């Protein structure tokens, strides 16, 4: 049986022990933009099944910490520097919980995605809702100078969201990893150096 090209990253992830092919999207982002540093505290929103948390764990090292957050179940990790927090990202107490228990963070990741309905306009707006929540949390939880990585879908709200990101961060880039499925409308925004909050 010949696998289509989209299966390459699935098989590669399985071979390397990553929980999802999405791990390679984050690895590509890191390779291009160097978002990680050793000893960082990283918040991974919508972390299930945990592929991005695995990458982050390796990049920040044993003295760093990764907070894997999802309302869905995440099976325990072998990596000791990953902590699972089983909560909805829209939980109003989440930001206070994070700050009180872990302090300000260095990097916020969001690979959150809606359950695809097949209605693209609806899916785009649901995705933007998730992205807006991630951006709001980044403004509250990131240290000054912190970094933000978030999944988006192409659509009419994309420009508005990039404008909001530009207001909060010194610079930003849009990037589509090669490991994204060719037919996927997803794109990632990377916000660099959170501006000082008033």
N, C-alpha and C. Protein backbone atom coordinates (compact mmCIF):
# COMPACT_ATOMS: atom_id res chain seq x y z
N UNK A 1 0.84 -1.20 0.00
CA UNK A 1 0.00 0.00 0.00
C UNK A 1 0.87 1.25 0.00
N UNK A 2 0.60 2.21 -0.86
CA UNK A 2 1.32 3.46 -0.91
C UNK A 2 0.58 4.52 -0.11
N UNK A 3 1.25 5.13 0.86
CA UNK A 3 0.64 6.18 1.66
C UNK A 3 0.72 7.50 0.92
N UNK A 4 -0.32 8.30 1.04
CA UNK A 4 -0.29 9.63 0.45
C UNK A 4 0.69 10.48 1.24
N UNK A 5 1.11 11.60 0.66
CA UNK A 5 2.15 12.42 1.27
C UNK A 5 1.75 12.94 2.65
N UNK A 6 0.45 13.18 2.86
CA UNK A 6 -0.01 13.70 4.15
C UNK A 6 0.28 12.72 5.30
N UNK A 7 0.45 11.44 4.98
CA UNK A 7 0.70 10.46 6.02
C UNK A 7 2.16 10.43 6.46
N UNK A 8 3.02 11.10 5.74
CA UNK A 8 4.46 11.07 6.05
C UNK A 8 4.72 11.52 7.48
N UNK A 9 4.13 12.64 7.87
CA UNK A 9 4.39 13.19 9.20
C UNK A 9 3.72 12.37 10.29
N UNK A 10 2.60 11.75 9.97
CA UNK A 10 1.95 10.85 10.93
C UNK A 10 2.88 9.67 11.23
N UNK A 11 3.42 9.07 10.18
CA UNK A 11 4.30 7.93 10.37
C UNK A 11 5.61 8.33 11.05
N UNK A 12 6.12 9.49 10.70
CA UNK A 12 7.35 10.00 11.30
C UNK A 12 7.15 10.25 12.79
N UNK A 13 5.99 10.85 13.13
CA UNK A 13 5.68 11.11 14.54
C UNK A 13 5.57 9.80 15.33
N UNK A 14 4.92 8.83 14.73
CA UNK A 14 4.75 7.54 15.40
C UNK A 14 6.12 6.89 15.65
N UNK A 15 6.99 6.99 14.68
CA UNK A 15 8.33 6.40 14.78
C UNK A 15 9.15 7.10 15.87
N UNK A 16 9.01 8.42 15.98
CA UNK A 16 9.80 9.20 16.93
C UNK A 16 9.19 9.22 18.34
N UNK A 17 7.97 8.69 18.47
CA UNK A 17 7.33 8.65 19.79
C UNK A 17 6.53 9.89 20.13
N UNK A 18 6.27 10.74 19.13
CA UNK A 18 5.41 11.89 19.35
C UNK A 18 3.95 11.45 19.31
N UNK A 19 3.13 12.15 20.07
CA UNK A 19 1.72 11.76 20.17
C UNK A 19 0.88 12.21 18.97
N UNK A 20 1.39 13.14 18.19
CA UNK A 20 0.64 13.58 17.01
C UNK A 20 1.59 14.15 15.96
N UNK A 21 1.13 14.16 14.72
CA UNK A 21 1.91 14.73 13.62
C UNK A 21 2.11 16.23 13.82
N UNK A 22 1.25 16.84 14.63
CA UNK A 22 1.34 18.28 14.88
C UNK A 22 2.66 18.67 15.54
N UNK A 23 3.33 17.71 16.16
CA UNK A 23 4.63 18.00 16.76
C UNK A 23 5.57 18.64 15.75
N UNK A 24 5.48 18.20 14.51
CA UNK A 24 6.40 18.69 13.48
C UNK A 24 6.09 20.13 13.08
N UNK A 25 4.85 20.55 13.27
CA UNK A 25 4.52 21.96 13.01
C UNK A 25 5.27 22.86 13.99
N UNK A 26 5.26 22.47 15.26
CA UNK A 26 5.95 23.26 16.27
C UNK A 26 7.46 23.19 16.08
N UNK A 27 7.97 22.04 15.69
CA UNK A 27 9.40 21.91 15.43
C UNK A 27 9.83 22.83 14.28
N UNK A 28 8.99 22.94 13.25
CA UNK A 28 9.29 23.84 12.14
C UNK A 28 9.26 25.30 12.59
N UNK A 29 8.29 25.64 13.43
CA UNK A 29 8.20 27.01 13.95
C UNK A 29 9.46 27.33 14.76
N UNK A 30 9.89 26.39 15.59
CA UNK A 30 11.10 26.59 16.39
C UNK A 30 12.34 26.73 15.50
N UNK A 31 12.42 25.89 14.49
CA UNK A 31 13.59 25.93 13.61
C UNK A 31 13.70 27.30 12.91
N UNK A 32 12.56 27.85 12.52
CA UNK A 32 12.57 29.11 11.77
C UNK A 32 12.67 30.33 12.69
N UNK A 33 12.01 30.31 13.84
CA UNK A 33 11.87 31.53 14.65
C UNK A 33 12.55 31.48 16.02
N UNK A 34 13.03 30.31 16.44
CA UNK A 34 13.75 30.18 17.72
C UNK A 34 12.96 30.77 18.89
N UNK A 35 11.80 30.18 19.13
CA UNK A 35 10.89 30.70 20.16
C UNK A 35 11.22 30.16 21.56
N UNK A 36 11.96 29.05 21.62
CA UNK A 36 12.23 28.41 22.91
C UNK A 36 13.60 28.81 23.46
N UNK A 37 13.67 28.77 24.81
CA UNK A 37 14.94 28.88 25.52
C UNK A 37 14.90 27.90 26.68
N UNK A 38 16.05 27.49 27.13
CA UNK A 38 16.12 26.60 28.29
C UNK A 38 15.51 27.29 29.51
N UNK A 39 14.90 26.49 30.36
CA UNK A 39 14.36 26.91 31.67
C UNK A 39 13.10 27.78 31.57
N UNK A 40 12.49 27.87 30.40
CA UNK A 40 11.25 28.64 30.26
C UNK A 40 10.08 27.93 30.94
N UNK A 41 9.07 28.74 31.27
CA UNK A 41 7.75 28.21 31.63
C UNK A 41 6.86 28.42 30.41
N UNK A 42 6.27 27.33 29.92
CA UNK A 42 5.48 27.35 28.69
C UNK A 42 4.06 26.92 28.99
N UNK A 43 3.09 27.65 28.46
CA UNK A 43 1.68 27.30 28.57
C UNK A 43 1.21 26.77 27.23
N UNK A 44 0.70 25.54 27.20
CA UNK A 44 0.24 24.89 25.97
C UNK A 44 -1.27 24.72 26.05
N UNK A 45 -2.00 25.60 25.36
CA UNK A 45 -3.47 25.57 25.38
C UNK A 45 -4.00 24.56 24.36
N UNK A 46 -5.04 23.85 24.77
CA UNK A 46 -5.62 22.84 23.87
C UNK A 46 -4.61 21.75 23.59
N UNK A 47 -3.93 21.29 24.63
CA UNK A 47 -2.74 20.46 24.47
C UNK A 47 -3.01 19.02 24.02
N UNK A 48 -4.19 18.48 24.27
CA UNK A 48 -4.47 17.08 23.94
C UNK A 48 -4.26 16.81 22.44
N UNK A 49 -3.62 15.71 22.08
CA UNK A 49 -3.13 14.61 22.91
C UNK A 49 -1.76 14.84 23.54
N UNK A 50 -1.05 15.92 23.14
CA UNK A 50 0.18 16.24 23.84
C UNK A 50 1.42 16.37 22.99
N UNK A 51 1.28 16.36 21.67
CA UNK A 51 2.44 16.44 20.79
C UNK A 51 3.25 17.72 20.94
N UNK A 52 2.55 18.86 21.09
CA UNK A 52 3.26 20.13 21.27
C UNK A 52 3.93 20.18 22.64
N UNK A 53 3.29 19.64 23.65
CA UNK A 53 3.89 19.63 24.99
C UNK A 53 5.17 18.81 25.01
N UNK A 54 5.20 17.71 24.25
CA UNK A 54 6.41 16.89 24.18
C UNK A 54 7.58 17.69 23.58
N UNK A 55 7.30 18.40 22.50
CA UNK A 55 8.34 19.22 21.87
C UNK A 55 8.82 20.30 22.84
N UNK A 56 7.86 20.99 23.45
CA UNK A 56 8.21 22.06 24.39
C UNK A 56 9.03 21.53 25.55
N UNK A 57 8.67 20.36 26.05
CA UNK A 57 9.39 19.73 27.15
C UNK A 57 10.86 19.55 26.82
N UNK A 58 11.12 19.04 25.64
CA UNK A 58 12.50 18.82 25.21
C UNK A 58 13.26 20.14 25.05
N UNK A 59 12.58 21.15 24.52
CA UNK A 59 13.24 22.42 24.22
C UNK A 59 13.58 23.21 25.49
N UNK A 60 12.72 23.17 26.50
CA UNK A 60 12.97 23.98 27.70
C UNK A 60 13.87 23.26 28.70
N UNK A 61 14.02 21.95 28.54
CA UNK A 61 14.91 21.19 29.41
C UNK A 61 14.31 20.84 30.75
N UNK A 62 15.06 20.07 31.53
CA UNK A 62 14.53 19.53 32.78
C UNK A 62 14.24 20.60 33.82
N UNK A 63 14.87 21.76 33.71
CA UNK A 63 14.61 22.84 34.66
C UNK A 63 13.53 23.81 34.19
N UNK A 64 13.00 23.56 33.00
CA UNK A 64 11.85 24.31 32.52
C UNK A 64 10.56 23.61 32.92
N UNK A 65 9.43 24.20 32.56
CA UNK A 65 8.13 23.59 32.87
C UNK A 65 7.15 23.85 31.74
N UNK A 66 6.36 22.82 31.44
CA UNK A 66 5.31 22.93 30.43
C UNK A 66 3.97 22.64 31.11
N UNK A 67 3.05 23.57 30.97
CA UNK A 67 1.70 23.40 31.52
C UNK A 67 0.78 23.04 30.37
N UNK A 68 0.35 21.79 30.34
CA UNK A 68 -0.49 21.26 29.27
C UNK A 68 -1.95 21.38 29.68
N UNK A 69 -2.69 22.25 29.02
CA UNK A 69 -4.07 22.56 29.43
C UNK A 69 -5.07 22.10 28.38
N UNK A 70 -6.06 21.35 28.82
CA UNK A 70 -7.14 20.95 27.92
C UNK A 70 -8.30 20.42 28.76
N UNK A 71 -9.52 20.66 28.28
CA UNK A 71 -10.68 20.08 28.97
C UNK A 71 -10.80 18.59 28.63
N UNK A 72 -10.19 18.19 27.51
CA UNK A 72 -10.18 16.77 27.13
C UNK A 72 -9.11 16.04 27.93
N UNK A 73 -9.29 14.76 28.07
CA UNK A 73 -8.33 13.94 28.82
C UNK A 73 -6.98 13.92 28.09
N UNK A 74 -5.90 14.05 28.85
CA UNK A 74 -4.54 13.90 28.34
C UNK A 74 -3.88 12.78 29.15
N UNK A 75 -3.43 11.75 28.49
CA UNK A 75 -2.79 10.66 29.22
C UNK A 75 -1.45 11.13 29.78
N UNK A 76 -1.04 10.61 30.93
CA UNK A 76 0.18 11.08 31.60
C UNK A 76 1.41 10.99 30.71
N UNK A 77 2.32 11.91 30.92
CA UNK A 77 3.56 11.96 30.16
C UNK A 77 4.68 11.30 30.96
N UNK A 78 5.65 10.77 30.26
CA UNK A 78 6.86 10.27 30.93
C UNK A 78 7.78 11.43 31.31
N UNK A 79 7.66 12.55 30.56
CA UNK A 79 8.49 13.72 30.83
C UNK A 79 8.07 14.36 32.15
N UNK A 80 9.01 14.52 33.06
CA UNK A 80 8.70 15.01 34.40
C UNK A 80 8.42 16.50 34.45
N UNK A 81 8.81 17.24 33.42
CA UNK A 81 8.61 18.70 33.45
C UNK A 81 7.31 19.13 32.78
N UNK A 82 6.43 18.18 32.47
CA UNK A 82 5.10 18.51 31.93
C UNK A 82 4.06 18.29 33.01
N UNK A 83 3.26 19.30 33.26
CA UNK A 83 2.16 19.19 34.23
C UNK A 83 0.84 19.33 33.48
N UNK A 84 -0.05 18.39 33.68
CA UNK A 84 -1.35 18.40 33.02
C UNK A 84 -2.36 19.16 33.88
N UNK A 85 -3.07 20.09 33.26
CA UNK A 85 -4.12 20.85 33.93
C UNK A 85 -5.41 20.64 33.15
N UNK A 86 -6.31 19.87 33.74
CA UNK A 86 -7.54 19.49 33.04
C UNK A 86 -8.62 20.54 33.24
N UNK A 87 -8.55 21.61 32.43
CA UNK A 87 -9.50 22.71 32.54
C UNK A 87 -9.81 23.26 31.16
N UNK A 88 -10.99 23.84 31.04
CA UNK A 88 -11.42 24.50 29.81
C UNK A 88 -10.67 25.83 29.70
N UNK A 89 -10.18 26.16 28.51
CA UNK A 89 -9.44 27.42 28.37
C UNK A 89 -10.34 28.64 28.58
N UNK A 90 -11.67 28.45 28.49
CA UNK A 90 -12.61 29.55 28.72
C UNK A 90 -13.02 29.68 30.19
N UNK A 91 -12.48 28.82 31.03
CA UNK A 91 -12.73 28.90 32.47
C UNK A 91 -12.24 30.26 32.96
N UNK A 92 -13.13 31.05 33.54
CA UNK A 92 -12.78 32.42 33.95
C UNK A 92 -11.74 32.45 35.07
N UNK A 93 -11.61 31.37 35.80
CA UNK A 93 -10.63 31.33 36.89
C UNK A 93 -9.26 30.84 36.43
N UNK A 94 -9.15 30.44 35.16
CA UNK A 94 -7.92 29.82 34.70
C UNK A 94 -6.72 30.76 34.82
N UNK A 95 -6.87 32.00 34.37
CA UNK A 95 -5.71 32.89 34.37
C UNK A 95 -5.22 33.17 35.80
N UNK A 96 -6.15 33.32 36.74
CA UNK A 96 -5.75 33.53 38.13
C UNK A 96 -5.09 32.29 38.71
N UNK A 97 -5.61 31.13 38.34
CA UNK A 97 -5.04 29.86 38.80
C UNK A 97 -3.59 29.72 38.33
N UNK A 98 -3.35 30.03 37.05
CA UNK A 98 -2.00 29.93 36.50
C UNK A 98 -1.06 30.91 37.19
N UNK A 99 -1.50 32.16 37.30
CA UNK A 99 -0.62 33.18 37.88
C UNK A 99 -0.30 32.89 39.34
N UNK A 100 -1.32 32.47 40.10
CA UNK A 100 -1.12 32.22 41.53
C UNK A 100 -0.21 31.02 41.79
N UNK A 101 -0.27 30.03 40.90
CA UNK A 101 0.49 28.79 41.12
C UNK A 101 1.83 28.74 40.40
N UNK A 102 1.96 29.49 39.30
CA UNK A 102 3.18 29.38 38.49
C UNK A 102 3.82 30.74 38.17
N UNK A 103 3.12 31.82 38.45
CA UNK A 103 3.65 33.14 38.11
C UNK A 103 3.49 33.43 36.63
N UNK A 104 4.17 34.46 36.15
CA UNK A 104 4.10 34.81 34.73
C UNK A 104 4.87 33.79 33.90
N UNK A 105 4.45 33.62 32.66
CA UNK A 105 5.05 32.61 31.79
C UNK A 105 5.87 33.28 30.68
N UNK A 106 6.71 32.47 30.04
CA UNK A 106 7.60 32.98 28.99
C UNK A 106 7.03 32.83 27.59
N UNK A 107 6.24 31.80 27.38
CA UNK A 107 5.77 31.45 26.03
C UNK A 107 4.39 30.83 26.12
N UNK A 108 3.47 31.36 25.33
CA UNK A 108 2.12 30.77 25.27
C UNK A 108 1.90 30.17 23.89
N UNK A 109 1.54 28.89 23.87
CA UNK A 109 1.26 28.15 22.64
C UNK A 109 -0.21 27.82 22.58
N UNK A 110 -0.81 27.94 21.40
CA UNK A 110 -2.19 27.52 21.21
C UNK A 110 -2.35 26.85 19.85
N UNK A 111 -2.53 25.55 19.89
CA UNK A 111 -2.85 24.79 18.67
C UNK A 111 -4.32 24.38 18.71
N UNK A 112 -5.11 25.15 19.46
CA UNK A 112 -6.54 24.85 19.61
C UNK A 112 -7.24 24.83 18.25
N UNK A 113 -8.14 23.87 18.11
CA UNK A 113 -8.89 23.76 16.86
C UNK A 113 -10.32 23.34 17.18
N UNK A 114 -11.29 23.90 16.45
CA UNK A 114 -12.68 23.49 16.70
C UNK A 114 -12.98 22.12 16.12
N UNK A 115 -14.06 21.52 16.57
CA UNK A 115 -14.56 20.33 15.89
C UNK A 115 -15.12 20.78 14.54
N UNK A 116 -14.51 20.32 13.47
CA UNK A 116 -14.85 20.80 12.13
C UNK A 116 -16.28 20.39 11.77
N UNK A 117 -17.10 21.37 11.41
CA UNK A 117 -18.50 21.11 11.10
C UNK A 117 -18.73 20.88 9.61
N UNK A 118 -17.79 21.38 8.79
CA UNK A 118 -18.00 21.33 7.34
C UNK A 118 -18.51 22.65 6.79
N UNK A 119 -19.00 23.51 7.69
CA UNK A 119 -19.42 24.86 7.30
C UNK A 119 -18.21 25.77 7.55
N UNK A 120 -17.51 26.15 6.48
CA UNK A 120 -16.23 26.82 6.67
C UNK A 120 -16.36 28.14 7.41
N UNK A 121 -17.38 28.92 7.08
CA UNK A 121 -17.57 30.21 7.73
C UNK A 121 -17.76 30.03 9.24
N UNK A 122 -18.55 29.06 9.60
CA UNK A 122 -18.79 28.77 11.02
C UNK A 122 -17.51 28.31 11.70
N UNK A 123 -16.77 27.41 11.04
CA UNK A 123 -15.53 26.91 11.62
C UNK A 123 -14.50 28.02 11.79
N UNK A 124 -14.45 28.92 10.83
CA UNK A 124 -13.51 30.05 10.91
C UNK A 124 -13.82 30.93 12.12
N UNK A 125 -15.10 31.24 12.34
CA UNK A 125 -15.46 32.08 13.48
C UNK A 125 -15.21 31.38 14.81
N UNK A 126 -15.45 30.05 14.85
CA UNK A 126 -15.17 29.29 16.07
C UNK A 126 -13.67 29.31 16.36
N UNK A 127 -12.87 29.16 15.30
CA UNK A 127 -11.42 29.19 15.45
C UNK A 127 -10.95 30.55 15.96
N UNK A 128 -11.51 31.61 15.41
CA UNK A 128 -11.14 32.96 15.84
C UNK A 128 -11.49 33.18 17.31
N UNK A 129 -12.61 32.61 17.75
CA UNK A 129 -12.99 32.67 19.16
C UNK A 129 -11.90 32.06 20.04
N UNK A 130 -11.41 30.89 19.62
CA UNK A 130 -10.35 30.20 20.37
C UNK A 130 -9.07 31.05 20.36
N UNK A 131 -8.75 31.60 19.20
CA UNK A 131 -7.55 32.42 19.07
C UNK A 131 -7.65 33.69 19.92
N UNK A 132 -8.82 34.31 19.93
CA UNK A 132 -9.00 35.51 20.75
C UNK A 132 -8.82 35.20 22.24
N UNK A 133 -9.31 34.05 22.66
CA UNK A 133 -9.12 33.66 24.06
C UNK A 133 -7.63 33.45 24.36
N UNK A 134 -6.92 32.81 23.44
CA UNK A 134 -5.49 32.60 23.63
C UNK A 134 -4.75 33.94 23.70
N UNK A 135 -5.13 34.88 22.84
CA UNK A 135 -4.50 36.20 22.84
C UNK A 135 -4.78 36.94 24.14
N UNK A 136 -6.03 36.86 24.62
CA UNK A 136 -6.38 37.49 25.89
C UNK A 136 -5.55 36.92 27.04
N UNK A 137 -5.40 35.59 27.07
CA UNK A 137 -4.61 34.96 28.12
C UNK A 137 -3.15 35.36 28.01
N UNK A 138 -2.66 35.50 26.79
CA UNK A 138 -1.26 35.89 26.62
C UNK A 138 -1.00 37.27 27.20
N UNK A 139 -1.95 38.18 27.03
CA UNK A 139 -1.77 39.54 27.53
C UNK A 139 -1.77 39.58 29.05
N UNK A 140 -2.46 38.66 29.67
CA UNK A 140 -2.54 38.61 31.14
C UNK A 140 -1.39 37.81 31.74
N UNK A 141 -0.99 36.73 31.08
CA UNK A 141 -0.09 35.77 31.70
C UNK A 141 1.38 35.87 31.26
N UNK A 142 1.63 36.40 30.08
CA UNK A 142 3.01 36.46 29.60
C UNK A 142 3.82 37.52 30.34
N UNK A 143 5.10 37.21 30.54
CA UNK A 143 6.03 38.23 31.00
C UNK A 143 6.21 39.27 29.89
N UNK A 144 6.59 40.46 30.28
CA UNK A 144 6.95 41.46 29.28
C UNK A 144 8.09 40.88 28.43
N UNK A 145 7.93 40.95 27.11
CA UNK A 145 8.93 40.36 26.21
C UNK A 145 8.63 38.92 25.84
N UNK A 146 7.54 38.36 26.40
CA UNK A 146 7.18 36.97 26.12
C UNK A 146 6.68 36.77 24.69
N UNK A 147 6.55 35.51 24.31
CA UNK A 147 6.23 35.12 22.93
C UNK A 147 4.91 34.36 22.88
N UNK A 148 4.23 34.45 21.74
CA UNK A 148 2.88 33.92 21.54
C UNK A 148 2.84 33.19 20.19
N UNK A 149 2.34 31.94 20.19
CA UNK A 149 2.18 31.17 18.95
C UNK A 149 0.76 30.63 18.92
N UNK A 150 0.03 30.89 17.82
CA UNK A 150 -1.39 30.54 17.80
C UNK A 150 -1.83 30.10 16.41
N UNK A 151 -2.64 29.05 16.38
CA UNK A 151 -3.23 28.59 15.12
C UNK A 151 -4.40 29.48 14.72
N UNK A 152 -4.50 29.75 13.44
CA UNK A 152 -5.63 30.49 12.85
C UNK A 152 -6.09 29.76 11.61
N UNK A 153 -7.29 30.11 11.15
CA UNK A 153 -7.78 29.68 9.84
C UNK A 153 -7.88 30.91 8.95
N UNK A 154 -7.53 30.75 7.70
CA UNK A 154 -7.75 31.84 6.75
C UNK A 154 -9.24 32.19 6.72
N UNK A 155 -9.54 33.46 6.56
CA UNK A 155 -10.92 33.91 6.49
C UNK A 155 -11.00 35.40 6.74
N UNK A 156 -12.20 35.92 6.76
CA UNK A 156 -12.35 37.38 6.80
C UNK A 156 -11.96 37.99 8.14
N UNK A 157 -11.86 37.20 9.19
CA UNK A 157 -11.45 37.73 10.50
C UNK A 157 -9.94 37.69 10.71
N UNK A 158 -9.21 37.09 9.78
CA UNK A 158 -7.77 36.93 9.96
C UNK A 158 -7.06 38.27 10.07
N UNK A 159 -7.38 39.22 9.20
CA UNK A 159 -6.71 40.51 9.23
C UNK A 159 -6.96 41.26 10.53
N UNK A 160 -8.20 41.18 11.01
CA UNK A 160 -8.52 41.84 12.27
C UNK A 160 -7.71 41.25 13.41
N UNK A 161 -7.55 39.93 13.40
CA UNK A 161 -6.79 39.28 14.46
C UNK A 161 -5.31 39.64 14.39
N UNK A 162 -4.76 39.70 13.19
CA UNK A 162 -3.35 40.09 13.06
C UNK A 162 -3.14 41.52 13.54
N UNK A 163 -4.11 42.38 13.30
CA UNK A 163 -4.02 43.77 13.79
C UNK A 163 -3.99 43.81 15.31
N UNK A 164 -4.83 42.98 15.95
CA UNK A 164 -4.84 42.92 17.41
C UNK A 164 -3.52 42.39 17.96
N UNK A 165 -2.97 41.40 17.29
CA UNK A 165 -1.68 40.86 17.71
C UNK A 165 -0.59 41.92 17.59
N UNK A 166 -0.65 42.68 16.51
CA UNK A 166 0.34 43.74 16.27
C UNK A 166 0.30 44.80 17.38
N UNK A 167 -0.89 45.04 17.92
CA UNK A 167 -1.03 46.02 19.01
C UNK A 167 -0.35 45.54 20.30
N UNK A 168 -0.30 44.22 20.49
CA UNK A 168 0.20 43.66 21.74
C UNK A 168 1.67 43.27 21.70
N UNK A 169 2.19 42.99 20.51
CA UNK A 169 3.56 42.50 20.39
C UNK A 169 4.38 43.42 19.49
N UNK A 170 5.67 43.44 19.74
CA UNK A 170 6.53 44.33 18.97
C UNK A 170 6.55 43.97 17.49
N UNK A 171 6.60 42.67 17.19
CA UNK A 171 6.53 42.20 15.80
C UNK A 171 5.74 40.90 15.76
N UNK A 172 5.30 40.52 14.56
CA UNK A 172 4.65 39.23 14.40
C UNK A 172 4.94 38.69 13.00
N UNK A 173 4.80 37.37 12.85
CA UNK A 173 4.96 36.71 11.56
C UNK A 173 3.82 35.72 11.38
N UNK A 174 3.41 35.54 10.13
CA UNK A 174 2.48 34.47 9.76
C UNK A 174 3.27 33.37 9.07
N UNK A 175 2.94 32.12 9.38
CA UNK A 175 3.76 31.02 8.89
C UNK A 175 2.90 29.77 8.72
N UNK A 176 3.04 29.11 7.57
CA UNK A 176 2.39 27.81 7.37
C UNK A 176 3.47 26.73 7.26
N UNK A 177 3.55 25.85 8.25
CA UNK A 177 4.56 24.79 8.21
C UNK A 177 4.35 23.83 7.04
N UNK A 178 5.41 23.26 6.56
CA UNK A 178 5.31 22.24 5.51
C UNK A 178 4.54 21.02 5.99
N UNK A 179 4.59 20.78 7.30
CA UNK A 179 3.92 19.61 7.86
C UNK A 179 2.41 19.80 8.02
N UNK A 180 1.90 21.01 7.77
CA UNK A 180 0.45 21.19 7.70
C UNK A 180 -0.07 20.47 6.45
N UNK A 181 -1.24 19.92 6.55
CA UNK A 181 -1.81 19.26 5.38
C UNK A 181 -2.01 20.29 4.27
N UNK A 182 -1.71 19.89 3.05
CA UNK A 182 -1.77 20.83 1.92
C UNK A 182 -3.14 21.48 1.78
N UNK A 183 -4.20 20.72 2.04
CA UNK A 183 -5.56 21.25 1.86
C UNK A 183 -6.03 22.05 3.07
N UNK A 184 -5.24 22.06 4.13
CA UNK A 184 -5.65 22.75 5.35
C UNK A 184 -5.58 24.26 5.18
N UNK A 185 -6.56 24.95 5.75
CA UNK A 185 -6.59 26.43 5.72
C UNK A 185 -5.87 27.02 6.92
N UNK A 186 -5.21 26.19 7.73
CA UNK A 186 -4.58 26.71 8.94
C UNK A 186 -3.31 27.49 8.62
N UNK A 187 -3.04 28.44 9.48
CA UNK A 187 -1.81 29.21 9.43
C UNK A 187 -1.49 29.60 10.87
N UNK A 188 -0.23 29.81 11.17
CA UNK A 188 0.15 30.15 12.55
C UNK A 188 0.65 31.58 12.61
N UNK A 189 0.29 32.25 13.68
CA UNK A 189 0.80 33.59 13.95
C UNK A 189 1.75 33.51 15.13
N UNK A 190 2.89 34.16 14.99
CA UNK A 190 3.89 34.19 16.06
C UNK A 190 4.09 35.63 16.46
N UNK A 191 3.75 35.95 17.70
CA UNK A 191 3.95 37.29 18.23
C UNK A 191 5.21 37.32 19.07
N UNK A 192 6.10 38.25 18.76
CA UNK A 192 7.38 38.34 19.45
C UNK A 192 7.42 39.53 20.39
N UNK A 193 7.86 39.30 21.61
CA UNK A 193 8.11 40.35 22.60
C UNK A 193 6.84 41.13 22.96
N UNK A 194 6.11 40.58 23.91
CA UNK A 194 4.92 41.26 24.41
C UNK A 194 5.28 42.66 24.90
N UNK A 195 4.50 43.63 24.47
CA UNK A 195 4.74 45.00 24.90
C UNK A 195 4.35 45.18 26.36
N UNK A 196 4.92 46.16 27.00
CA UNK A 196 4.58 46.44 28.38
C UNK A 196 3.11 46.77 28.50
N UNK A 197 2.43 46.08 29.43
CA UNK A 197 1.00 46.28 29.61
C UNK A 197 0.75 47.47 30.53
N UNK A 198 -0.28 48.26 30.20
CA UNK A 198 -0.62 49.42 31.02
C UNK A 198 -1.23 48.99 32.35
